[in-house]
Amino acid sequence: MDILEKTDYVLGAKEVQQTILVLNLSVAQIELSITEGDNSVNALIDSFRFMTQHIEEIQSATEKMSEVETDDIIFHKQHSFLLNQTGELAQKMQQAIIAFQFYDKLSQRLGHVSHGLSGLAEIVSHEMRVKDVEEWNEFKQAVRRGTTMREEEELFELIFDQHIPSVQAIEIMKERMMKRMSDDKEEQEEIELF
């Protein structure tokens, strides 16, 4: 059964116009948020590059200190302390890089949402297109082609193919994502043991 066949009501011209305005506002807000986020993340990336370079230099200098022959206990304690601190900093930098990768996924998802909303506004804004079942099918396929991430494709399938309500689909996806993160963490821990 098609979405258009399930509705028992028809929006008037004024309601359609208001819907289009809300969709366009949503698209603009998403696009501005992505732009602001990109600017902030780019500044953070530059800062992290700078810090990574200096951490590597400190690590290198600290490793060279091990060549110094001395029986001074304080020297060895400080040397050990510096090695531990730079190691921990390097680990935190790696975690930050992973966080940037999550931001990149978020930015891509928001871009896909923006594109979908723009397409929806375009269809709804034309009386002939909104009533054309083929137009809706083409739009649905365009949205599906725009899903480049596994989670997006699965969410699309849950909502469009299996007709699961969005609230329930979100919960299903949250559970799947948590399981994957847990599985990935277990895999990383197993790899580190060997």
N, C-alpha and C. Protein backbone atom coordinates (compact mmCIF):
# COMPACT_ATOMS: atom_id res chain seq x y z
N MET A 1 0.86 -1.18 0.00
CA MET A 1 0.00 0.00 0.00
C MET A 1 0.89 1.23 0.00
N ASP A 2 0.60 2.18 -0.81
CA ASP A 2 1.40 3.39 -0.94
C ASP A 2 1.00 4.42 0.11
N ILE A 3 1.94 5.29 0.44
CA ILE A 3 1.70 6.34 1.44
C ILE A 3 0.52 7.22 1.04
N LEU A 4 0.45 7.55 -0.26
CA LEU A 4 -0.62 8.44 -0.72
C LEU A 4 -1.99 7.78 -0.58
N GLU A 5 -2.05 6.46 -0.69
CA GLU A 5 -3.33 5.77 -0.59
C GLU A 5 -3.83 5.70 0.85
N LYS A 6 -2.95 5.85 1.83
CA LYS A 6 -3.32 5.72 3.23
C LYS A 6 -3.94 6.98 3.82
N THR A 7 -3.74 8.11 3.19
CA THR A 7 -4.23 9.37 3.77
C THR A 7 -5.67 9.63 3.40
N ASP A 8 -6.41 10.12 4.39
CA ASP A 8 -7.82 10.45 4.18
C ASP A 8 -8.05 11.95 4.13
N TYR A 9 -6.99 12.70 4.15
CA TYR A 9 -7.14 14.15 4.16
C TYR A 9 -6.25 14.76 3.09
N VAL A 10 -6.57 15.98 2.73
CA VAL A 10 -5.81 16.70 1.72
C VAL A 10 -5.44 18.05 2.29
N LEU A 11 -4.17 18.39 2.15
CA LEU A 11 -3.72 19.70 2.60
C LEU A 11 -4.17 20.76 1.59
N GLY A 12 -4.58 21.89 2.10
CA GLY A 12 -4.92 23.00 1.23
C GLY A 12 -3.66 23.74 0.82
N ALA A 13 -3.82 24.68 -0.10
CA ALA A 13 -2.68 25.44 -0.62
C ALA A 13 -1.93 26.16 0.50
N LYS A 14 -2.66 26.73 1.44
CA LYS A 14 -2.02 27.46 2.55
C LYS A 14 -1.20 26.51 3.43
N GLU A 15 -1.75 25.34 3.71
CA GLU A 15 -1.03 24.37 4.54
C GLU A 15 0.22 23.85 3.83
N VAL A 16 0.10 23.63 2.54
CA VAL A 16 1.25 23.18 1.76
C VAL A 16 2.33 24.26 1.77
N GLN A 17 1.92 25.51 1.59
CA GLN A 17 2.86 26.62 1.60
C GLN A 17 3.58 26.71 2.94
N GLN A 18 2.84 26.56 4.04
CA GLN A 18 3.45 26.59 5.37
C GLN A 18 4.40 25.41 5.57
N THR A 19 4.00 24.25 5.07
CA THR A 19 4.86 23.06 5.16
C THR A 19 6.17 23.30 4.43
N ILE A 20 6.09 23.87 3.25
CA ILE A 20 7.28 24.15 2.45
C ILE A 20 8.20 25.14 3.18
N LEU A 21 7.60 26.16 3.78
CA LEU A 21 8.40 27.13 4.53
C LEU A 21 9.14 26.47 5.70
N VAL A 22 8.45 25.59 6.42
CA VAL A 22 9.08 24.89 7.54
C VAL A 22 10.19 23.97 7.04
N LEU A 23 9.94 23.28 5.94
CA LEU A 23 10.97 22.41 5.37
C LEU A 23 12.20 23.23 4.95
N ASN A 24 11.95 24.35 4.28
CA ASN A 24 13.07 25.20 3.86
C ASN A 24 13.83 25.78 5.04
N LEU A 25 13.11 26.16 6.10
CA LEU A 25 13.77 26.64 7.32
C LEU A 25 14.63 25.53 7.92
N SER A 26 14.09 24.32 7.96
CA SER A 26 14.84 23.18 8.51
C SER A 26 16.11 22.93 7.71
N VAL A 27 16.01 22.97 6.40
CA VAL A 27 17.18 22.78 5.53
C VAL A 27 18.21 23.86 5.81
N ALA A 28 17.78 25.10 5.89
CA ALA A 28 18.71 26.20 6.14
C ALA A 28 19.39 26.05 7.50
N GLN A 29 18.63 25.65 8.52
CA GLN A 29 19.21 25.46 9.85
C GLN A 29 20.25 24.34 9.83
N ILE A 30 19.95 23.26 9.16
CA ILE A 30 20.90 22.15 9.07
C ILE A 30 22.17 22.61 8.35
N GLU A 31 22.00 23.27 7.22
CA GLU A 31 23.17 23.72 6.44
C GLU A 31 24.03 24.69 7.25
N LEU A 32 23.41 25.63 7.95
CA LEU A 32 24.18 26.57 8.78
C LEU A 32 24.87 25.85 9.93
N SER A 33 24.21 24.89 10.52
CA SER A 33 24.82 24.11 11.61
C SER A 33 26.04 23.35 11.11
N ILE A 34 25.92 22.75 9.93
CA ILE A 34 27.05 22.03 9.35
C ILE A 34 28.21 22.99 9.10
N THR A 35 27.92 24.15 8.55
CA THR A 35 28.96 25.14 8.27
C THR A 35 29.65 25.59 9.55
N GLU A 36 28.87 25.93 10.58
CA GLU A 36 29.45 26.34 11.86
C GLU A 36 30.29 25.22 12.46
N GLY A 37 29.75 24.01 12.42
CA GLY A 37 30.48 22.86 12.96
C GLY A 37 31.77 22.61 12.22
N ASP A 38 31.72 22.72 10.88
CA ASP A 38 32.94 22.52 10.09
C ASP A 38 34.01 23.54 10.45
N ASN A 39 33.60 24.79 10.63
CA ASN A 39 34.57 25.83 11.00
C ASN A 39 35.20 25.53 12.35
N SER A 40 34.39 25.14 13.32
CA SER A 40 34.91 24.82 14.65
C SER A 40 35.81 23.60 14.61
N VAL A 41 35.38 22.57 13.91
CA VAL A 41 36.18 21.35 13.85
C VAL A 41 37.48 21.60 13.11
N ASN A 42 37.47 22.39 12.07
CA ASN A 42 38.71 22.70 11.36
C ASN A 42 39.71 23.41 12.27
N ALA A 43 39.22 24.32 13.10
CA ALA A 43 40.10 25.00 14.07
C ALA A 43 40.65 23.98 15.07
N LEU A 44 39.81 23.08 15.53
CA LEU A 44 40.26 22.04 16.46
C LEU A 44 41.29 21.11 15.80
N ILE A 45 41.05 20.75 14.57
CA ILE A 45 41.99 19.87 13.86
C ILE A 45 43.36 20.54 13.76
N ASP A 46 43.38 21.82 13.42
CA ASP A 46 44.66 22.55 13.37
C ASP A 46 45.36 22.54 14.72
N SER A 47 44.60 22.76 15.79
CA SER A 47 45.17 22.74 17.14
C SER A 47 45.73 21.35 17.48
N PHE A 48 44.98 20.32 17.11
CA PHE A 48 45.45 18.97 17.42
C PHE A 48 46.67 18.60 16.59
N ARG A 49 46.74 19.06 15.36
CA ARG A 49 47.96 18.82 14.56
C ARG A 49 49.17 19.46 15.24
N PHE A 50 48.99 20.69 15.68
CA PHE A 50 50.05 21.41 16.37
C PHE A 50 50.47 20.65 17.63
N MET A 51 49.51 20.24 18.44
CA MET A 51 49.82 19.53 19.67
C MET A 51 50.46 18.18 19.40
N THR A 52 49.98 17.47 18.38
CA THR A 52 50.55 16.17 18.04
C THR A 52 52.02 16.31 17.66
N GLN A 53 52.31 17.32 16.86
CA GLN A 53 53.69 17.56 16.45
C GLN A 53 54.58 17.78 17.68
N HIS A 54 54.11 18.59 18.62
CA HIS A 54 54.90 18.88 19.81
C HIS A 54 55.00 17.67 20.75
N ILE A 55 53.96 16.89 20.83
CA ILE A 55 54.03 15.68 21.65
C ILE A 55 55.07 14.72 21.08
N GLU A 56 55.07 14.57 19.75
CA GLU A 56 56.06 13.70 19.11
C GLU A 56 57.48 14.21 19.38
N GLU A 57 57.68 15.52 19.33
CA GLU A 57 59.00 16.09 19.62
C GLU A 57 59.41 15.85 21.07
N ILE A 58 58.46 16.00 21.98
CA ILE A 58 58.75 15.76 23.40
C ILE A 58 59.06 14.28 23.62
N GLN A 59 58.29 13.40 22.98
CA GLN A 59 58.56 11.96 23.10
C GLN A 59 59.95 11.62 22.59
N SER A 60 60.30 12.18 21.45
CA SER A 60 61.62 11.93 20.87
C SER A 60 62.73 12.42 21.79
N ALA A 61 62.57 13.62 22.32
CA ALA A 61 63.58 14.16 23.23
C ALA A 61 63.67 13.34 24.51
N THR A 62 62.54 12.89 24.99
CA THR A 62 62.51 12.08 26.21
C THR A 62 63.19 10.73 25.98
N GLU A 63 62.94 10.13 24.81
CA GLU A 63 63.59 8.85 24.50
C GLU A 63 65.10 9.02 24.41
N LYS A 64 65.58 10.14 23.88
CA LYS A 64 67.03 10.40 23.80
C LYS A 64 67.64 10.55 25.18
N MET A 65 66.81 11.00 26.13
CA MET A 65 67.32 11.16 27.50
C MET A 65 67.73 9.81 28.10
N SER A 66 67.14 8.72 27.60
CA SER A 66 67.49 7.40 28.14
C SER A 66 68.93 7.03 27.83
N GLU A 67 69.54 7.72 26.85
CA GLU A 67 70.94 7.46 26.50
C GLU A 67 71.91 8.07 27.51
N VAL A 68 71.41 8.98 28.32
CA VAL A 68 72.27 9.63 29.32
C VAL A 68 72.57 8.62 30.42
N GLU A 69 73.85 8.45 30.68
CA GLU A 69 74.26 7.51 31.73
C GLU A 69 74.39 8.27 33.03
N THR A 70 73.51 7.92 33.96
CA THR A 70 73.55 8.56 35.26
C THR A 70 72.90 7.64 36.29
N ASP A 71 73.34 7.81 37.51
CA ASP A 71 72.75 7.05 38.61
C ASP A 71 71.78 7.92 39.39
N ASP A 72 71.51 9.11 38.89
CA ASP A 72 70.64 10.06 39.59
C ASP A 72 69.19 9.53 39.58
N ILE A 73 68.68 9.22 40.75
CA ILE A 73 67.33 8.66 40.89
C ILE A 73 66.27 9.67 40.43
N ILE A 74 66.47 10.92 40.74
CA ILE A 74 65.51 11.96 40.34
C ILE A 74 65.44 12.05 38.82
N PHE A 75 66.59 11.99 38.16
CA PHE A 75 66.63 12.02 36.70
C PHE A 75 65.79 10.87 36.13
N HIS A 76 66.00 9.66 36.62
CA HIS A 76 65.27 8.49 36.12
C HIS A 76 63.77 8.59 36.40
N LYS A 77 63.41 9.14 37.55
CA LYS A 77 61.99 9.33 37.87
C LYS A 77 61.35 10.33 36.91
N GLN A 78 62.06 11.43 36.66
CA GLN A 78 61.54 12.45 35.74
C GLN A 78 61.44 11.90 34.32
N HIS A 79 62.45 11.13 33.93
CA HIS A 79 62.45 10.52 32.61
C HIS A 79 61.23 9.60 32.46
N SER A 80 61.01 8.75 33.45
CA SER A 80 59.87 7.84 33.46
C SER A 80 58.55 8.63 33.45
N PHE A 81 58.50 9.69 34.24
CA PHE A 81 57.31 10.54 34.31
C PHE A 81 57.00 11.14 32.94
N LEU A 82 58.01 11.68 32.27
CA LEU A 82 57.81 12.29 30.95
C LEU A 82 57.33 11.25 29.93
N LEU A 83 57.93 10.07 29.96
CA LEU A 83 57.49 9.02 29.03
C LEU A 83 56.02 8.66 29.26
N ASN A 84 55.62 8.53 30.52
CA ASN A 84 54.23 8.21 30.84
C ASN A 84 53.29 9.33 30.40
N GLN A 85 53.67 10.57 30.68
CA GLN A 85 52.81 11.70 30.33
C GLN A 85 52.64 11.84 28.82
N THR A 86 53.73 11.73 28.08
CA THR A 86 53.61 11.86 26.62
C THR A 86 52.84 10.69 26.03
N GLY A 87 52.99 9.50 26.63
CA GLY A 87 52.21 8.35 26.17
C GLY A 87 50.73 8.56 26.39
N GLU A 88 50.36 9.09 27.56
CA GLU A 88 48.95 9.37 27.84
C GLU A 88 48.40 10.46 26.93
N LEU A 89 49.21 11.49 26.69
CA LEU A 89 48.78 12.56 25.78
C LEU A 89 48.55 12.01 24.36
N ALA A 90 49.45 11.17 23.91
CA ALA A 90 49.31 10.58 22.58
C ALA A 90 48.03 9.75 22.50
N GLN A 91 47.70 9.03 23.57
CA GLN A 91 46.48 8.24 23.61
C GLN A 91 45.24 9.14 23.57
N LYS A 92 45.26 10.24 24.31
CA LYS A 92 44.13 11.18 24.29
C LYS A 92 43.98 11.81 22.90
N MET A 93 45.10 12.06 22.25
CA MET A 93 45.04 12.63 20.90
C MET A 93 44.36 11.64 19.95
N GLN A 94 44.66 10.37 20.11
CA GLN A 94 44.03 9.34 19.28
C GLN A 94 42.52 9.30 19.52
N GLN A 95 42.11 9.44 20.78
CA GLN A 95 40.68 9.47 21.10
C GLN A 95 40.02 10.69 20.47
N ALA A 96 40.72 11.81 20.45
CA ALA A 96 40.17 13.03 19.84
C ALA A 96 40.00 12.84 18.33
N ILE A 97 40.94 12.18 17.71
CA ILE A 97 40.85 11.93 16.27
C ILE A 97 39.63 11.06 15.97
N ILE A 98 39.38 10.07 16.81
CA ILE A 98 38.21 9.22 16.65
C ILE A 98 36.93 10.06 16.80
N ALA A 99 36.95 10.99 17.76
CA ALA A 99 35.78 11.88 17.94
C ALA A 99 35.56 12.74 16.69
N PHE A 100 36.63 13.18 16.05
CA PHE A 100 36.48 13.95 14.82
C PHE A 100 35.85 13.10 13.72
N GLN A 101 36.17 11.81 13.70
CA GLN A 101 35.58 10.92 12.71
C GLN A 101 34.07 10.79 12.95
N PHE A 102 33.65 10.77 14.22
CA PHE A 102 32.22 10.73 14.51
C PHE A 102 31.56 12.02 14.06
N TYR A 103 32.24 13.15 14.24
CA TYR A 103 31.68 14.41 13.76
C TYR A 103 31.49 14.37 12.25
N ASP A 104 32.46 13.79 11.56
CA ASP A 104 32.37 13.70 10.11
C ASP A 104 31.13 12.90 9.70
N LYS A 105 30.87 11.79 10.39
CA LYS A 105 29.67 11.01 10.11
C LYS A 105 28.41 11.83 10.39
N LEU A 106 28.41 12.56 11.49
CA LEU A 106 27.26 13.40 11.83
C LEU A 106 27.02 14.44 10.74
N SER A 107 28.08 15.07 10.30
CA SER A 107 27.98 16.08 9.26
C SER A 107 27.41 15.48 7.96
N GLN A 108 27.89 14.28 7.60
CA GLN A 108 27.37 13.61 6.40
C GLN A 108 25.88 13.30 6.55
N ARG A 109 25.50 12.80 7.72
CA ARG A 109 24.09 12.47 7.95
C ARG A 109 23.22 13.71 7.83
N LEU A 110 23.66 14.79 8.44
CA LEU A 110 22.87 16.03 8.37
C LEU A 110 22.77 16.53 6.93
N GLY A 111 23.84 16.36 6.17
CA GLY A 111 23.80 16.72 4.75
C GLY A 111 22.77 15.89 4.00
N HIS A 112 22.70 14.60 4.32
CA HIS A 112 21.71 13.73 3.67
C HIS A 112 20.29 14.13 4.06
N VAL A 113 20.10 14.47 5.33
CA VAL A 113 18.78 14.92 5.80
C VAL A 113 18.39 16.20 5.07
N SER A 114 19.32 17.11 4.96
CA SER A 114 19.07 18.38 4.28
C SER A 114 18.65 18.13 2.83
N HIS A 115 19.37 17.24 2.17
CA HIS A 115 19.05 16.92 0.77
C HIS A 115 17.65 16.30 0.67
N GLY A 116 17.33 15.39 1.60
CA GLY A 116 16.01 14.76 1.59
C GLY A 116 14.89 15.77 1.82
N LEU A 117 15.10 16.67 2.78
CA LEU A 117 14.08 17.69 3.05
C LEU A 117 13.90 18.63 1.86
N SER A 118 15.00 18.97 1.20
CA SER A 118 14.91 19.83 0.01
C SER A 118 14.09 19.15 -1.08
N GLY A 119 14.36 17.86 -1.28
CA GLY A 119 13.60 17.11 -2.29
C GLY A 119 12.13 17.02 -1.94
N LEU A 120 11.84 16.81 -0.66
CA LEU A 120 10.45 16.76 -0.20
C LEU A 120 9.76 18.09 -0.43
N ALA A 121 10.42 19.18 -0.09
CA ALA A 121 9.84 20.52 -0.30
C ALA A 121 9.56 20.76 -1.78
N GLU A 122 10.46 20.27 -2.63
CA GLU A 122 10.28 20.44 -4.08
C GLU A 122 9.04 19.70 -4.57
N ILE A 123 8.85 18.48 -4.12
CA ILE A 123 7.68 17.70 -4.56
C ILE A 123 6.40 18.33 -4.02
N VAL A 124 6.38 18.66 -2.74
CA VAL A 124 5.18 19.18 -2.10
C VAL A 124 4.78 20.55 -2.68
N SER A 125 5.75 21.26 -3.21
CA SER A 125 5.45 22.61 -3.71
C SER A 125 4.74 22.60 -5.07
N HIS A 126 4.66 21.46 -5.72
CA HIS A 126 4.00 21.38 -7.03
C HIS A 126 2.79 20.45 -6.93
N GLU A 127 1.62 21.00 -7.22
CA GLU A 127 0.38 20.25 -7.06
C GLU A 127 0.38 18.96 -7.88
N MET A 128 0.88 19.02 -9.10
CA MET A 128 0.87 17.84 -9.96
C MET A 128 1.87 16.79 -9.46
N ARG A 129 3.01 17.23 -8.99
CA ARG A 129 4.05 16.29 -8.54
C ARG A 129 3.63 15.59 -7.24
N VAL A 130 2.96 16.30 -6.35
CA VAL A 130 2.59 15.73 -5.06
C VAL A 130 1.60 14.59 -5.22
N LYS A 131 0.84 14.59 -6.31
CA LYS A 131 -0.17 13.55 -6.54
C LYS A 131 0.35 12.41 -7.41
N ASP A 132 1.58 12.55 -7.90
CA ASP A 132 2.15 11.57 -8.82
C ASP A 132 2.89 10.48 -8.04
N VAL A 133 2.34 9.26 -8.04
CA VAL A 133 2.93 8.14 -7.31
C VAL A 133 4.35 7.86 -7.79
N GLU A 134 4.57 7.95 -9.09
CA GLU A 134 5.90 7.70 -9.66
C GLU A 134 6.91 8.74 -9.14
N GLU A 135 6.47 9.96 -8.99
CA GLU A 135 7.32 11.03 -8.45
C GLU A 135 7.78 10.67 -7.04
N TRP A 136 6.85 10.17 -6.23
CA TRP A 136 7.17 9.77 -4.86
C TRP A 136 8.12 8.58 -4.84
N ASN A 137 7.90 7.62 -5.74
CA ASN A 137 8.79 6.46 -5.82
C ASN A 137 10.20 6.88 -6.22
N GLU A 138 10.29 7.79 -7.19
CA GLU A 138 11.61 8.30 -7.60
C GLU A 138 12.29 9.04 -6.45
N PHE A 139 11.52 9.83 -5.72
CA PHE A 139 12.07 10.55 -4.57
C PHE A 139 12.58 9.57 -3.52
N LYS A 140 11.78 8.54 -3.24
CA LYS A 140 12.17 7.53 -2.26
C LYS A 140 13.47 6.85 -2.69
N GLN A 141 13.59 6.52 -3.96
CA GLN A 141 14.81 5.89 -4.46
C GLN A 141 16.00 6.84 -4.38
N ALA A 142 15.76 8.13 -4.63
CA ALA A 142 16.85 9.11 -4.52
C ALA A 142 17.33 9.21 -3.08
N VAL A 143 16.39 9.17 -2.14
CA VAL A 143 16.76 9.20 -0.72
C VAL A 143 17.56 7.93 -0.38
N ARG A 144 17.11 6.80 -0.87
CA ARG A 144 17.82 5.54 -0.61
C ARG A 144 19.24 5.59 -1.19
N ARG A 145 19.40 6.10 -2.40
CA ARG A 145 20.73 6.20 -3.00
C ARG A 145 21.63 7.13 -2.20
N GLY A 146 21.02 8.08 -1.50
CA GLY A 146 21.79 9.04 -0.71
C GLY A 146 22.26 8.49 0.63
N THR A 147 21.81 7.27 0.97
CA THR A 147 22.25 6.68 2.23
C THR A 147 23.60 6.01 1.99
N THR A 148 24.65 6.64 2.50
CA THR A 148 26.00 6.12 2.27
C THR A 148 26.55 5.37 3.46
N MET A 149 25.87 5.45 4.59
CA MET A 149 26.35 4.78 5.79
C MET A 149 25.43 3.62 6.14
N ARG A 150 25.99 2.62 6.73
CA ARG A 150 25.25 1.41 7.10
C ARG A 150 24.02 1.74 7.94
N GLU A 151 24.18 2.59 8.94
CA GLU A 151 23.07 2.92 9.83
C GLU A 151 21.94 3.62 9.09
N GLU A 152 22.29 4.48 8.13
CA GLU A 152 21.27 5.18 7.35
C GLU A 152 20.46 4.19 6.52
N GLU A 153 21.16 3.26 5.89
CA GLU A 153 20.48 2.26 5.06
C GLU A 153 19.56 1.40 5.92
N GLU A 154 20.04 0.99 7.09
CA GLU A 154 19.21 0.17 7.97
C GLU A 154 17.98 0.94 8.46
N LEU A 155 18.17 2.20 8.80
CA LEU A 155 17.05 3.02 9.25
C LEU A 155 16.02 3.19 8.12
N PHE A 156 16.51 3.43 6.92
CA PHE A 156 15.63 3.53 5.75
C PHE A 156 14.81 2.25 5.60
N GLU A 157 15.47 1.09 5.69
CA GLU A 157 14.77 -0.18 5.55
C GLU A 157 13.71 -0.37 6.64
N LEU A 158 14.06 -0.02 7.88
CA LEU A 158 13.10 -0.18 8.96
C LEU A 158 11.85 0.67 8.73
N ILE A 159 12.05 1.91 8.32
CA ILE A 159 10.92 2.84 8.18
C ILE A 159 10.17 2.65 6.86
N PHE A 160 10.89 2.59 5.75
CA PHE A 160 10.20 2.52 4.45
C PHE A 160 9.82 1.10 4.05
N ASP A 161 10.73 0.15 4.25
CA ASP A 161 10.45 -1.21 3.79
C ASP A 161 9.62 -2.01 4.79
N GLN A 162 9.95 -1.87 6.09
CA GLN A 162 9.25 -2.65 7.11
C GLN A 162 8.12 -1.86 7.77
N HIS A 163 7.99 -0.58 7.46
CA HIS A 163 6.93 0.29 7.97
C HIS A 163 6.90 0.34 9.50
N ILE A 164 8.07 0.33 10.11
CA ILE A 164 8.17 0.45 11.57
C ILE A 164 8.10 1.93 11.92
N PRO A 165 7.30 2.31 12.91
CA PRO A 165 7.22 3.73 13.29
C PRO A 165 8.61 4.28 13.66
N SER A 166 8.82 5.54 13.37
CA SER A 166 10.15 6.13 13.53
C SER A 166 10.69 6.02 14.95
N VAL A 167 9.83 6.22 15.96
CA VAL A 167 10.29 6.13 17.35
C VAL A 167 10.84 4.73 17.63
N GLN A 168 10.13 3.72 17.18
CA GLN A 168 10.57 2.34 17.38
C GLN A 168 11.83 2.05 16.55
N ALA A 169 11.89 2.55 15.33
CA ALA A 169 13.05 2.35 14.47
C ALA A 169 14.31 2.97 15.09
N ILE A 170 14.14 4.14 15.69
CA ILE A 170 15.27 4.79 16.35
C ILE A 170 15.78 3.93 17.50
N GLU A 171 14.88 3.38 18.28
CA GLU A 171 15.29 2.52 19.40
C GLU A 171 16.02 1.28 18.90
N ILE A 172 15.52 0.69 17.84
CA ILE A 172 16.18 -0.48 17.25
C ILE A 172 17.59 -0.11 16.81
N MET A 173 17.72 1.03 16.15
CA MET A 173 19.04 1.45 15.66
C MET A 173 19.98 1.79 16.82
N LYS A 174 19.47 2.40 17.87
CA LYS A 174 20.31 2.69 19.03
C LYS A 174 20.87 1.40 19.61
N GLU A 175 20.01 0.37 19.74
CA GLU A 175 20.47 -0.92 20.26
C GLU A 175 21.53 -1.53 19.35
N ARG A 176 21.29 -1.49 18.05
CA ARG A 176 22.26 -2.06 17.10
C ARG A 176 23.60 -1.33 17.19
N MET A 177 23.53 0.00 17.25
CA MET A 177 24.76 0.80 17.29
C MET A 177 25.53 0.55 18.58
N MET A 178 24.83 0.45 19.70
CA MET A 178 25.49 0.17 20.98
C MET A 178 26.16 -1.22 20.92
N LYS A 179 25.47 -2.19 20.34
CA LYS A 179 26.03 -3.54 20.22
C LYS A 179 27.28 -3.50 19.36
N ARG A 180 27.23 -2.79 18.25
CA ARG A 180 28.41 -2.70 17.36
C ARG A 180 29.58 -2.03 18.07
N MET A 181 29.28 -0.96 18.81
CA MET A 181 30.36 -0.27 19.53
C MET A 181 30.97 -1.22 20.56
N SER A 182 30.13 -1.98 21.24
CA SER A 182 30.60 -2.94 22.23
C SER A 182 31.44 -4.03 21.56
N ASP A 183 30.96 -4.54 20.43
CA ASP A 183 31.71 -5.57 19.69
C ASP A 183 33.05 -5.03 19.20
N ASP A 184 33.05 -3.78 18.69
CA ASP A 184 34.29 -3.16 18.22
C ASP A 184 35.28 -3.00 19.36
N LYS A 185 34.78 -2.59 20.52
CA LYS A 185 35.65 -2.40 21.68
C LYS A 185 36.26 -3.74 22.11
N GLU A 186 35.45 -4.81 22.11
CA GLU A 186 35.95 -6.14 22.46
C GLU A 186 37.01 -6.58 21.47
N GLU A 187 36.78 -6.32 20.17
CA GLU A 187 37.76 -6.68 19.14
C GLU A 187 39.08 -5.95 19.37
N GLN A 188 39.00 -4.65 19.67
CA GLN A 188 40.22 -3.87 19.91
C GLN A 188 40.96 -4.39 21.13
N GLU A 189 40.24 -4.75 22.17
CA GLU A 189 40.89 -5.27 23.38
C GLU A 189 41.55 -6.60 23.08
N GLU A 190 40.92 -7.47 22.28
CA GLU A 190 41.52 -8.74 21.92
C GLU A 190 42.78 -8.54 21.10
N ILE A 191 42.75 -7.59 20.19
CA ILE A 191 43.92 -7.31 19.35
C ILE A 191 45.07 -6.81 20.20
N GLU A 192 44.78 -5.95 21.17
CA GLU A 192 45.83 -5.40 22.02
C GLU A 192 46.47 -6.47 22.90
N LEU A 193 45.75 -7.55 23.22
CA LEU A 193 46.30 -8.59 24.06
C LEU A 193 47.38 -9.38 23.34
N PHE A 194 47.33 -9.47 22.05
CA PHE A 194 48.29 -10.28 21.32
C PHE A 194 49.44 -9.49 20.87
